[in-house]
PDB file of N, CA and C in Angstrom:
ATOM      1  N   MET A   1      -4.263  -1.891 -36.864  1.00  0.00           N
ATOM      2  CA  MET A   1      -3.422  -1.745 -35.808  1.00  0.00           C
ATOM      3  C   MET A   1      -3.977  -2.731 -34.916  1.00  0.00           C
ATOM      4  N   SER A   2      -3.225  -3.585 -34.224  1.00  0.00           N
ATOM      5  CA  SER A   2      -4.266  -4.543 -33.540  1.00  0.00           C
ATOM      6  C   SER A   2      -3.462  -4.447 -32.309  1.00  0.00           C
ATOM      7  N   PRO A   3      -4.258  -3.808 -31.426  1.00  0.00           N
ATOM      8  CA  PRO A   3      -3.739  -3.752 -29.577  1.00  0.00           C
ATOM      9  C   PRO A   3      -3.156  -4.500 -29.429  1.00  0.00           C
ATOM     10  N   VAL A   4      -3.161  -5.561 -28.962  1.00  0.00           N
ATOM     11  CA  VAL A   4      -2.157  -6.636 -28.876  1.00  0.00           C
ATOM     12  C   VAL A   4      -0.801  -6.723 -29.072  1.00  0.00           C
ATOM     13  N   ALA A   5      -0.010  -6.680 -28.225  1.00  0.00           N
ATOM     14  CA  ALA A   5       1.472  -6.365 -28.073  1.00  0.00           C
ATOM     15  C   ALA A   5       1.849  -7.970 -28.743  1.00  0.00           C
ATOM     16  N   ASN A   6       3.115  -7.803 -29.468  1.00  0.00           N
ATOM     17  CA  ASN A   6       3.722  -8.869 -29.989  1.00  0.00           C
ATOM     18  C   ASN A   6       4.134  -9.896 -28.597  1.00  0.00           C
ATOM     19  N   SER A   7       4.695  -9.585 -28.099  1.00  0.00           N
ATOM     20  CA  SER A   7       5.991  -9.813 -26.326  1.00  0.00           C
ATOM     21  C   SER A   7       4.708  -9.427 -25.302  1.00  0.00           C
ATOM     22  N   TYR A   8       4.780  -9.775 -24.661  1.00  0.00           N
ATOM     23  CA  TYR A   8       4.472  -9.717 -23.562  1.00  0.00           C
ATOM     24  C   TYR A   8       5.470  -8.453 -22.949  1.00  0.00           C
ATOM     25  N   LEU A   9       6.669  -8.303 -23.342  1.00  0.00           N
ATOM     26  CA  LEU A   9       7.797  -7.436 -22.440  1.00  0.00           C
ATOM     27  C   LEU A   9       7.335  -5.848 -23.185  1.00  0.00           C
ATOM     28  N   ASP A  10       6.299  -6.568 -24.331  1.00  0.00           N
ATOM     29  CA  ASP A  10       6.159  -4.827 -25.115  1.00  0.00           C
ATOM     30  C   ASP A  10       5.088  -4.182 -24.488  1.00  0.00           C
ATOM     31  N   ASN A  11       4.443  -4.653 -23.607  1.00  0.00           N
ATOM     32  CA  ASN A  11       2.893  -4.173 -22.538  1.00  0.00           C
ATOM     33  C   ASN A  11       3.551  -2.983 -22.061  1.00  0.00           C
ATOM     34  N   PRO A  12       2.725  -1.924 -22.188  1.00  0.00           N
ATOM     35  CA  PRO A  12       2.946  -0.644 -21.323  1.00  0.00           C
ATOM     36  C   PRO A  12       2.932  -0.641 -19.959  1.00  0.00           C
ATOM     37  N   LEU A  13       3.536  -0.131 -19.148  1.00  0.00           N
ATOM     38  CA  LEU A  13       3.451   0.040 -17.866  1.00  0.00           C
ATOM     39  C   LEU A  13       2.718   0.952 -17.139  1.00  0.00           C
ATOM     40  N   ASP A  14       1.293   0.984 -16.851  1.00  0.00           N
ATOM     41  CA  ASP A  14       0.914   2.610 -16.200  1.00  0.00           C
ATOM     42  C   ASP A  14       0.785   2.498 -14.973  1.00  0.00           C
ATOM     43  N   ILE A  15       1.138   3.523 -14.287  1.00  0.00           N
ATOM     44  CA  ILE A  15       1.263   3.564 -12.827  1.00  0.00           C
ATOM     45  C   ILE A  15       0.739   4.332 -12.555  1.00  0.00           C
ATOM     46  N   SER A  16      -0.309   4.370 -11.315  1.00  0.00           N
ATOM     47  CA  SER A  16      -1.272   5.663 -10.802  1.00  0.00           C
ATOM     48  C   SER A  16      -0.595   6.024  -9.478  1.00  0.00           C
ATOM     49  N   ASP A  17      -0.859   7.526  -9.112  1.00  0.00           N
ATOM     50  CA  ASP A  17      -0.546   8.151  -8.107  1.00  0.00           C
ATOM     51  C   ASP A  17      -0.342   6.980  -6.954  1.00  0.00           C
ATOM     52  N   GLY A  18       0.465   7.117  -6.242  1.00  0.00           N
ATOM     53  CA  GLY A  18       0.770   6.492  -4.905  1.00  0.00           C
ATOM     54  C   GLY A  18       0.947   4.817  -4.713  1.00  0.00           C
ATOM     55  N   VAL A  19       1.237   4.513  -6.204  1.00  0.00           N
ATOM     56  CA  VAL A  19       1.442   3.107  -6.584  1.00  0.00           C
ATOM     57  C   VAL A  19       3.255   2.924  -6.509  1.00  0.00           C
ATOM     58  N   ILE A  20       3.632   2.207  -5.327  1.00  0.00           N
ATOM     59  CA  ILE A  20       5.453   2.165  -5.139  1.00  0.00           C
ATOM     60  C   ILE A  20       5.593   0.672  -5.450  1.00  0.00           C
ATOM     61  N   ILE A  21       6.654   0.629  -6.287  1.00  0.00           N
ATOM     62  CA  ILE A  21       7.015  -0.949  -6.711  1.00  0.00           C
ATOM     63  C   ILE A  21       8.284  -0.766  -6.813  1.00  0.00           C
ATOM     64  N   GLY A  22       8.974  -2.276  -5.251  1.00  0.00           N
ATOM     65  CA  GLY A  22       9.854  -2.034  -4.971  1.00  0.00           C
ATOM     66  C   GLY A  22      11.095  -2.874  -6.186  1.00  0.00           C
ATOM     67  N   SER A  23      12.327  -2.461  -5.555  1.00  0.00           N
ATOM     68  CA  SER A  23      13.165  -2.906  -6.966  1.00  0.00           C
ATOM     69  C   SER A  23      12.957  -4.594  -7.242  1.00  0.00           C
ATOM     70  N   GLY A  24      13.430  -4.562  -8.451  1.00  0.00           N
ATOM     71  CA  GLY A  24      13.572  -6.373  -8.599  1.00  0.00           C
ATOM     72  C   GLY A  24      11.898  -6.881  -8.544  1.00  0.00           C
ATOM     73  N   ALA A  25      10.963  -6.367  -8.234  1.00  0.00           N
ATOM     74  CA  ALA A  25       9.545  -6.569  -8.469  1.00  0.00           C
ATOM     75  C   ALA A  25       9.369  -7.623  -9.283  1.00  0.00           C
ATOM     76  N   TRP A  26       8.606  -8.106  -9.693  1.00  0.00           N
ATOM     77  CA  TRP A  26       7.777  -8.822 -10.822  1.00  0.00           C
ATOM     78  C   TRP A  26       6.606  -9.147 -10.926  1.00  0.00           C
ATOM     79  N   ILE A  27       5.817  -8.160 -11.722  1.00  0.00           N
ATOM     80  CA  ILE A  27       4.620  -7.864 -12.021  1.00  0.00           C
ATOM     81  C   ILE A  27       3.855  -8.872 -13.491  1.00  0.00           C
ATOM     82  N   GLY A  28       2.973  -9.631 -12.549  1.00  0.00           N
ATOM     83  CA  GLY A  28       2.703 -11.007 -14.184  1.00  0.00           C
ATOM     84  C   GLY A  28       1.810  -9.860 -15.210  1.00  0.00           C
ATOM     85  N   ASN A  29       1.336 -10.227 -15.868  1.00  0.00           N
ATOM     86  CA  ASN A  29       0.711 -10.105 -16.885  1.00  0.00           C
ATOM     87  C   ASN A  29      -0.647  -9.519 -16.439  1.00  0.00           C
ATOM     88  N   ASN A  30      -1.440  -8.413 -16.787  1.00  0.00           N
ATOM     89  CA  ASN A  30      -2.877  -8.218 -16.215  1.00  0.00           C
ATOM     90  C   ASN A  30      -3.208  -8.018 -14.931  1.00  0.00           C
ATOM     91  N   VAL A  31      -2.101  -7.470 -14.242  1.00  0.00           N
ATOM     92  CA  VAL A  31      -2.084  -7.347 -13.097  1.00  0.00           C
ATOM     93  C   VAL A  31      -3.228  -5.936 -12.665  1.00  0.00           C
ATOM     94  N   ILE A  32      -3.519  -5.681 -11.741  1.00  0.00           N
ATOM     95  CA  ILE A  32      -4.221  -4.387 -11.208  1.00  0.00           C
ATOM     96  C   ILE A  32      -3.996  -4.126 -10.057  1.00  0.00           C
ATOM     97  N   ILE A  33      -3.300  -2.755  -9.865  1.00  0.00           N
ATOM     98  CA  ILE A  33      -2.597  -2.631  -8.769  1.00  0.00           C
ATOM     99  C   ILE A  33      -3.619  -1.134  -7.993  1.00  0.00           C
ATOM    100  N   LEU A  34      -4.139  -1.069  -7.270  1.00  0.00           N
ATOM    101  CA  LEU A  34      -5.048  -0.012  -6.431  1.00  0.00           C
ATOM    102  C   LEU A  34      -3.546   0.883  -6.008  1.00  0.00           C
ATOM    103  N   GLY A  35      -4.418   2.023  -6.156  1.00  0.00           N
ATOM    104  CA  GLY A  35      -3.812   3.591  -5.880  1.00  0.00           C
ATOM    105  C   GLY A  35      -3.246   3.453  -4.364  1.00  0.00           C
ATOM    106  N   GLY A  36      -2.357   3.873  -3.654  1.00  0.00           N
ATOM    107  CA  GLY A  36      -2.059   3.736  -2.443  1.00  0.00           C
ATOM    108  C   GLY A  36      -1.404   2.553  -1.879  1.00  0.00           C
ATOM    109  N   VAL A  37      -1.040   1.287  -2.721  1.00  0.00           N
ATOM    110  CA  VAL A  37      -0.539   0.377  -2.562  1.00  0.00           C
ATOM    111  C   VAL A  37       0.905  -0.085  -2.869  1.00  0.00           C
ATOM    112  N   SER A  38       1.891  -0.586  -2.092  1.00  0.00           N
ATOM    113  CA  SER A  38       3.112  -0.993  -2.333  1.00  0.00           C
ATOM    114  C   SER A  38       3.316  -2.288  -2.407  1.00  0.00           C
ATOM    115  N   ILE A  39       4.022  -2.282  -3.539  1.00  0.00           N
ATOM    116  CA  ILE A  39       4.498  -3.617  -3.840  1.00  0.00           C
ATOM    117  C   ILE A  39       6.396  -3.977  -3.017  1.00  0.00           C
ATOM    118  N   GLY A  40       6.971  -4.659  -2.310  1.00  0.00           N
ATOM    119  CA  GLY A  40       8.416  -4.872  -1.999  1.00  0.00           C
ATOM    120  C   GLY A  40       9.012  -4.993  -2.498  1.00  0.00           C
ATOM    121  N   GLU A  41      10.706  -4.861  -2.225  1.00  0.00           N
ATOM    122  CA  GLU A  41      11.558  -5.551  -3.024  1.00  0.00           C
ATOM    123  C   GLU A  41      11.734  -6.802  -3.259  1.00  0.00           C
ATOM    124  N   LYS A  42      11.652  -7.327  -4.363  1.00  0.00           N
ATOM    125  CA  LYS A  42      11.617  -8.847  -5.563  1.00  0.00           C
ATOM    126  C   LYS A  42      10.584  -9.089  -4.768  1.00  0.00           C
ATOM    127  N   ALA A  43       9.343  -8.950  -4.521  1.00  0.00           N
ATOM    128  CA  ALA A  43       8.212  -9.857  -4.323  1.00  0.00           C
ATOM    129  C   ALA A  43       7.587 -10.129  -5.766  1.00  0.00           C
ATOM    130  N   VAL A  44       6.739 -11.206  -5.879  1.00  0.00           N
ATOM    131  CA  VAL A  44       5.996 -11.520  -7.607  1.00  0.00           C
ATOM    132  C   VAL A  44       4.576 -11.475  -7.060  1.00  0.00           C
ATOM    133  N   ILE A  45       4.125 -10.956  -8.121  1.00  0.00           N
ATOM    134  CA  ILE A  45       2.976 -10.617  -7.950  1.00  0.00           C
ATOM    135  C   ILE A  45       2.001 -11.274  -9.289  1.00  0.00           C
ATOM    136  N   GLY A  46       1.206 -12.359  -8.883  1.00  0.00           N
ATOM    137  CA  GLY A  46       1.028 -13.007 -10.030  1.00  0.00           C
ATOM    138  C   GLY A  46       0.187 -13.082 -10.973  1.00  0.00           C
ATOM    139  N   ALA A  47       0.000 -13.391 -12.349  1.00  0.00           N
ATOM    140  CA  ALA A  47      -0.554 -12.903 -13.448  1.00  0.00           C
ATOM    141  C   ALA A  47      -2.450 -12.062 -13.369  1.00  0.00           C
ATOM    142  N   GLY A  48      -2.685 -11.677 -13.524  1.00  0.00           N
ATOM    143  CA  GLY A  48      -4.207 -11.718 -13.405  1.00  0.00           C
ATOM    144  C   GLY A  48      -4.622 -11.077 -11.561  1.00  0.00           C
ATOM    145  N   ALA A  49      -3.677 -10.728 -10.974  1.00  0.00           N
ATOM    146  CA  ALA A  49      -4.131 -10.354  -9.343  1.00  0.00           C
ATOM    147  C   ALA A  49      -4.621  -9.418  -9.124  1.00  0.00           C
ATOM    148  N   VAL A  50      -5.285  -8.935  -8.346  1.00  0.00           N
ATOM    149  CA  VAL A  50      -5.865  -7.247  -8.178  1.00  0.00           C
ATOM    150  C   VAL A  50      -5.161  -7.117  -6.815  1.00  0.00           C
ATOM    151  N   VAL A  51      -4.585  -6.583  -6.598  1.00  0.00           N
ATOM    152  CA  VAL A  51      -3.355  -6.010  -5.815  1.00  0.00           C
ATOM    153  C   VAL A  51      -4.124  -5.124  -4.358  1.00  0.00           C
ATOM    154  N   THR A  52      -5.150  -5.238  -3.536  1.00  0.00           N
ATOM    155  CA  THR A  52      -5.563  -3.897  -2.953  1.00  0.00           C
ATOM    156  C   THR A  52      -4.956  -3.584  -2.092  1.00  0.00           C
ATOM    157  N   LYS A  53      -4.318  -4.497  -1.154  1.00  0.00           N
ATOM    158  CA  LYS A  53      -3.274  -3.967  -0.079  1.00  0.00           C
ATOM    159  C   LYS A  53      -1.919  -4.120  -0.304  1.00  0.00           C
ATOM    160  N   SER A  54      -0.927  -3.987   0.516  1.00  0.00           N
ATOM    161  CA  SER A  54       0.690  -3.809   0.314  1.00  0.00           C
ATOM    162  C   SER A  54       0.686  -5.316   0.538  1.00  0.00           C
ATOM    163  N   ILE A  55       1.421  -5.214  -0.638  1.00  0.00           N
ATOM    164  CA  ILE A  55       2.596  -6.979  -0.217  1.00  0.00           C
ATOM    165  C   ILE A  55       3.855  -6.650   0.147  1.00  0.00           C
ATOM    166  N   PRO A  56       4.513  -7.083   1.176  1.00  0.00           N
ATOM    167  CA  PRO A  56       5.255  -7.237   1.900  1.00  0.00           C
ATOM    168  C   PRO A  56       6.503  -7.774   0.463  1.00  0.00           C
ATOM    169  N   ALA A  57       8.014  -7.070   1.413  1.00  0.00           N
ATOM    170  CA  ALA A  57       9.115  -7.735   0.411  1.00  0.00           C
ATOM    171  C   ALA A  57       9.397  -8.965  -0.073  1.00  0.00           C
ATOM    172  N   TYR A  58      10.041  -9.971  -0.650  1.00  0.00           N
ATOM    173  CA  TYR A  58      10.263 -11.070  -0.433  1.00  0.00           C
ATOM    174  C   TYR A  58       9.001 -11.730  -0.408  1.00  0.00           C
ATOM    175  N   SER A  59       7.921 -11.864  -1.052  1.00  0.00           N
ATOM    176  CA  SER A  59       6.765 -12.587  -0.873  1.00  0.00           C
ATOM    177  C   SER A  59       6.041 -13.000  -2.827  1.00  0.00           C
ATOM    178  N   ILE A  60       5.314 -13.807  -2.615  1.00  0.00           N
ATOM    179  CA  ILE A  60       4.532 -13.794  -3.872  1.00  0.00           C
ATOM    180  C   ILE A  60       3.170 -13.996  -3.581  1.00  0.00           C
ATOM    181  N   ALA A  61       2.468 -13.516  -4.446  1.00  0.00           N
ATOM    182  CA  ALA A  61       1.239 -13.006  -4.311  1.00  0.00           C
ATOM    183  C   ALA A  61      -0.046 -13.242  -5.334  1.00  0.00           C
ATOM    184  N   VAL A  62      -0.934 -14.062  -5.141  1.00  0.00           N
ATOM    185  CA  VAL A  62      -1.951 -14.292  -6.131  1.00  0.00           C
ATOM    186  C   VAL A  62      -3.289 -13.757  -6.035  1.00  0.00           C
ATOM    187  N   GLY A  63      -3.795 -14.257  -6.787  1.00  0.00           N
ATOM    188  CA  GLY A  63      -5.495 -13.927  -6.727  1.00  0.00           C
ATOM    189  C   GLY A  63      -6.154 -12.651  -6.610  1.00  0.00           C
ATOM    190  N   ASN A  64      -7.511 -12.797  -6.696  1.00  0.00           N
ATOM    191  CA  ASN A  64      -8.412 -11.401  -6.811  1.00  0.00           C
ATOM    192  C   ASN A  64      -9.248 -11.524  -5.334  1.00  0.00           C
ATOM    193  N   PRO A  65      -8.880 -11.199  -3.853  1.00  0.00           N
ATOM    194  CA  PRO A  65      -7.901 -10.078  -4.376  1.00  0.00           C
ATOM    195  C   PRO A  65      -6.949 -10.676  -3.823  1.00  0.00           C
ATOM    196  N   ALA A  66      -5.526 -10.063  -4.359  1.00  0.00           N
ATOM    197  CA  ALA A  66      -4.161 -10.674  -4.173  1.00  0.00           C
ATOM    198  C   ALA A  66      -4.203 -10.845  -2.947  1.00  0.00           C
ATOM    199  N   ARG A  67      -3.390 -12.183  -2.214  1.00  0.00           N
ATOM    200  CA  ARG A  67      -2.950 -12.409  -1.018  1.00  0.00           C
ATOM    201  C   ARG A  67      -1.584 -13.077  -0.578  1.00  0.00           C
ATOM    202  N   VAL A  68      -0.868 -13.116  -0.035  1.00  0.00           N
ATOM    203  CA  VAL A  68       0.037 -13.503   0.208  1.00  0.00           C
ATOM    204  C   VAL A  68       0.227 -15.178   0.402  1.00  0.00           C
ATOM    205  N   ILE A  69       1.061 -16.284  -0.458  1.00  0.00           N
ATOM    206  CA  ILE A  69       0.811 -17.194  -0.685  1.00  0.00           C
ATOM    207  C   ILE A  69       2.220 -17.943  -0.066  1.00  0.00           C
ATOM    208  N   LYS A  70       3.582 -16.769   0.059  1.00  0.00           N
ATOM    209  CA  LYS A  70       4.595 -17.554   0.251  1.00  0.00           C
ATOM    210  C   LYS A  70       5.671 -16.258   0.385  1.00  0.00           C
ATOM    211  N   GLN A  71       6.563 -16.450   1.294  1.00  0.00           N
ATOM    212  CA  GLN A  71       6.671 -15.321   1.787  1.00  0.00           C
ATOM    213  C   GLN A  71       8.459 -16.105   2.298  1.00  0.00           C
ATOM    214  N   TYR A  72       9.506 -15.703   1.687  1.00  0.00           N
ATOM    215  CA  TYR A  72      10.778 -15.688   2.289  1.00  0.00           C
ATOM    216  C   TYR A  72      11.503 -15.346   3.068  1.00  0.00           C
ATOM    217  N   ASP A  73      11.827 -16.161   4.343  1.00  0.00           N
ATOM    218  CA  ASP A  73      12.311 -16.241   5.972  1.00  0.00           C
ATOM    219  C   ASP A  73      13.894 -15.942   5.948  1.00  0.00           C
ATOM    220  N   HIS A  74      14.185 -14.137   5.768  1.00  0.00           N
ATOM    221  CA  HIS A  74      15.763 -14.495   5.936  1.00  0.00           C
ATOM    222  C   HIS A  74      16.363 -15.162   7.054  1.00  0.00           C
ATOM    223  N   LYS A  75      15.622 -15.557   7.946  1.00  0.00           N
ATOM    224  CA  LYS A  75      16.477 -15.714   9.423  1.00  0.00           C
ATOM    225  C   LYS A  75      16.592 -17.602   9.088  1.00  0.00           C
ATOM    226  N   ARG A  76      15.878 -17.908   8.645  1.00  0.00           N
ATOM    227  CA  ARG A  76      15.975 -19.596   8.532  1.00  0.00           C
ATOM    228  C   ARG A  76      16.593 -19.656   6.878  1.00  0.00           C
ATOM    229  N   GLY A  77      16.180 -19.186   6.004  1.00  0.00           N
ATOM    230  CA  GLY A  77      16.959 -19.233   4.550  1.00  0.00           C
ATOM    231  C   GLY A  77      15.719 -20.305   4.080  1.00  0.00           C
ATOM    232  N   GLU A  78      14.756 -19.841   4.391  1.00  0.00           N
ATOM    233  CA  GLU A  78      13.890 -20.392   3.432  1.00  0.00           C
ATOM    234  C   GLU A  78      12.341 -20.124   3.048  1.00  0.00           C
ATOM    235  N   TRP A  79      11.368 -20.684   2.154  1.00  0.00           N
ATOM    236  CA  TRP A  79      10.162 -19.674   2.182  1.00  0.00           C
ATOM    237  C   TRP A  79       9.280 -20.453   2.794  1.00  0.00           C
ATOM    238  N   VAL A  80       8.119 -19.678   3.489  1.00  0.00           N
ATOM    239  CA  VAL A  80       7.667 -20.183   4.605  1.00  0.00           C
ATOM    240  C   VAL A  80       6.088 -19.806   4.164  1.00  0.00           C
TER     241      VAL A  80
END
């Protein structure tokens, strides 16, 4: 039996103690999230990212270590 899933949707989600994932957050394939870190509501984490610190809501984070590259500003109604 092959350990590779037919679809990325079939990959199991293993959540460590202390990790909080906000409602509507998107987590890419092969992302590593360290314990004690929270992912904000509707945040997007790029595939292969290593999240070492908390990511705010409505943000896009990528890389190793993951860093925020864009964040939605509700007051201005645009990405900054």
